[in-house]
Amino acid sequence: MLKWALIFAVISLIAGVLGFGGIAGTAAGIAKVLFFIFLAICAIMLIAGLFVGKKLM
């Protein structure tokens, strides 16, 4: 997920430099959404790992 966010961020930067404002804005929006989804999944997995780790010990 983070890989795709970085790809869309690079596409956004390249499109912005070349003057394609609409494409750059859309790619930046997609990158932002994917990054926040990645953070949410990361936090959920961290919390789940803490609870599972306590049950195993």
C-alpha atoms as a PDB file:
ATOM      1  CA  MET A   1       0.000   0.000   0.000  1.00  0.00           C
ATOM      2  CA  LEU A   2       2.820   2.364   0.846  1.00  0.00           C
ATOM      3  CA  LYS A   3       4.498   1.448  -2.441  1.00  0.00           C
ATOM      4  CA  TRP A   4       1.427   2.573  -4.399  1.00  0.00           C
ATOM      5  CA  ALA A   5       1.194   5.795  -2.391  1.00  0.00           C
ATOM      6  CA  LEU A   6       4.806   6.590  -3.294  1.00  0.00           C
ATOM      7  CA  ILE A   7       4.182   5.761  -6.967  1.00  0.00           C
ATOM      8  CA  PHE A   8       1.210   8.135  -7.100  1.00  0.00           C
ATOM      9  CA  ALA A   9       3.225  10.818  -5.296  1.00  0.00           C
ATOM     10  CA  VAL A  10       5.978  10.559  -7.928  1.00  0.00           C
ATOM     11  CA  ILE A  11       3.397  10.668 -10.734  1.00  0.00           C
ATOM     12  CA  SER A  12       1.930  13.764  -9.103  1.00  0.00           C
ATOM     13  CA  LEU A  13       5.310  15.485  -8.916  1.00  0.00           C
ATOM     14  CA  ILE A  14       6.181  14.675 -12.524  1.00  0.00           C
ATOM     15  CA  ALA A  15       2.753  15.784 -13.787  1.00  0.00           C
ATOM     16  CA  GLY A  16       3.043  19.007 -11.784  1.00  0.00           C
ATOM     17  CA  VAL A  17       6.445  19.808 -13.254  1.00  0.00           C
ATOM     18  CA  LEU A  18       5.157  19.174 -16.773  1.00  0.00           C
ATOM     19  CA  GLY A  19       2.146  21.417 -16.228  1.00  0.00           C
ATOM     20  CA  PHE A  20      -0.645  18.875 -15.975  1.00  0.00           C
ATOM     21  CA  GLY A  21      -2.381  20.378 -12.941  1.00  0.00           C
ATOM     22  CA  GLY A  22      -5.514  18.237 -13.007  1.00  0.00           C
ATOM     23  CA  ILE A  23      -3.632  14.976 -13.211  1.00  0.00           C
ATOM     24  CA  ALA A  24      -1.176  16.134 -10.550  1.00  0.00           C
ATOM     25  CA  GLY A  25      -3.988  17.041  -8.155  1.00  0.00           C
ATOM     26  CA  THR A  26      -5.776  13.753  -8.693  1.00  0.00           C
ATOM     27  CA  ALA A  27      -2.606  11.703  -8.240  1.00  0.00           C
ATOM     28  CA  ALA A  28      -1.745  13.644  -5.082  1.00  0.00           C
ATOM     29  CA  GLY A  29      -5.226  12.996  -3.693  1.00  0.00           C
ATOM     30  CA  ILE A  30      -4.952   9.278  -4.405  1.00  0.00           C
ATOM     31  CA  ALA A  31      -1.491   9.170  -2.815  1.00  0.00           C
ATOM     32  CA  LYS A  32      -2.811  10.912   0.298  1.00  0.00           C
ATOM     33  CA  VAL A  33      -5.747   8.509   0.652  1.00  0.00           C
ATOM     34  CA  LEU A  34      -3.526   5.450   0.179  1.00  0.00           C
ATOM     35  CA  PHE A  35      -1.041   6.759   2.734  1.00  0.00           C
ATOM     36  CA  PHE A  36      -3.723   7.265   5.372  1.00  0.00           C
ATOM     37  CA  ILE A  37      -5.164   3.804   4.669  1.00  0.00           C
ATOM     38  CA  PHE A  38      -1.648   2.421   5.136  1.00  0.00           C
ATOM     39  CA  LEU A  39      -1.306   4.235   8.471  1.00  0.00           C
ATOM     40  CA  ALA A  40      -4.680   2.947   9.670  1.00  0.00           C
ATOM     41  CA  ILE A  41      -3.844  -0.654   8.743  1.00  0.00           C
ATOM     42  CA  CYS A  42      -0.437  -0.313  10.386  1.00  0.00           C
ATOM     43  CA  ALA A  43      -1.989   0.961  13.627  1.00  0.00           C
ATOM     44  CA  ILE A  44      -4.619  -1.805  13.644  1.00  0.00           C
ATOM     45  CA  MET A  45      -1.985  -4.489  13.112  1.00  0.00           C
ATOM     46  CA  LEU A  46       0.201  -3.010  15.846  1.00  0.00           C
ATOM     47  CA  ILE A  47      -2.648  -3.033  18.354  1.00  0.00           C
ATOM     48  CA  ALA A  48      -3.698  -6.549  17.320  1.00  0.00           C
ATOM     49  CA  GLY A  49      -0.101  -7.730  17.682  1.00  0.00           C
ATOM     50  CA  LEU A  50       0.113  -6.333  21.197  1.00  0.00           C
ATOM     51  CA  PHE A  51      -3.040  -8.173  22.265  1.00  0.00           C
ATOM     52  CA  VAL A  52      -2.012 -11.452  20.636  1.00  0.00           C
ATOM     53  CA  GLY A  53       1.480 -11.174  22.100  1.00  0.00           C
ATOM     54  CA  LYS A  54       0.074 -10.892  25.618  1.00  0.00           C
ATOM     55  CA  LYS A  55      -2.053 -14.037  25.129  1.00  0.00           C
ATOM     56  CA  LEU A  56       0.958 -16.065  24.015  1.00  0.00           C
ATOM     57  CA  MET A  57       3.092 -15.231  27.041  1.00  0.00           C
END
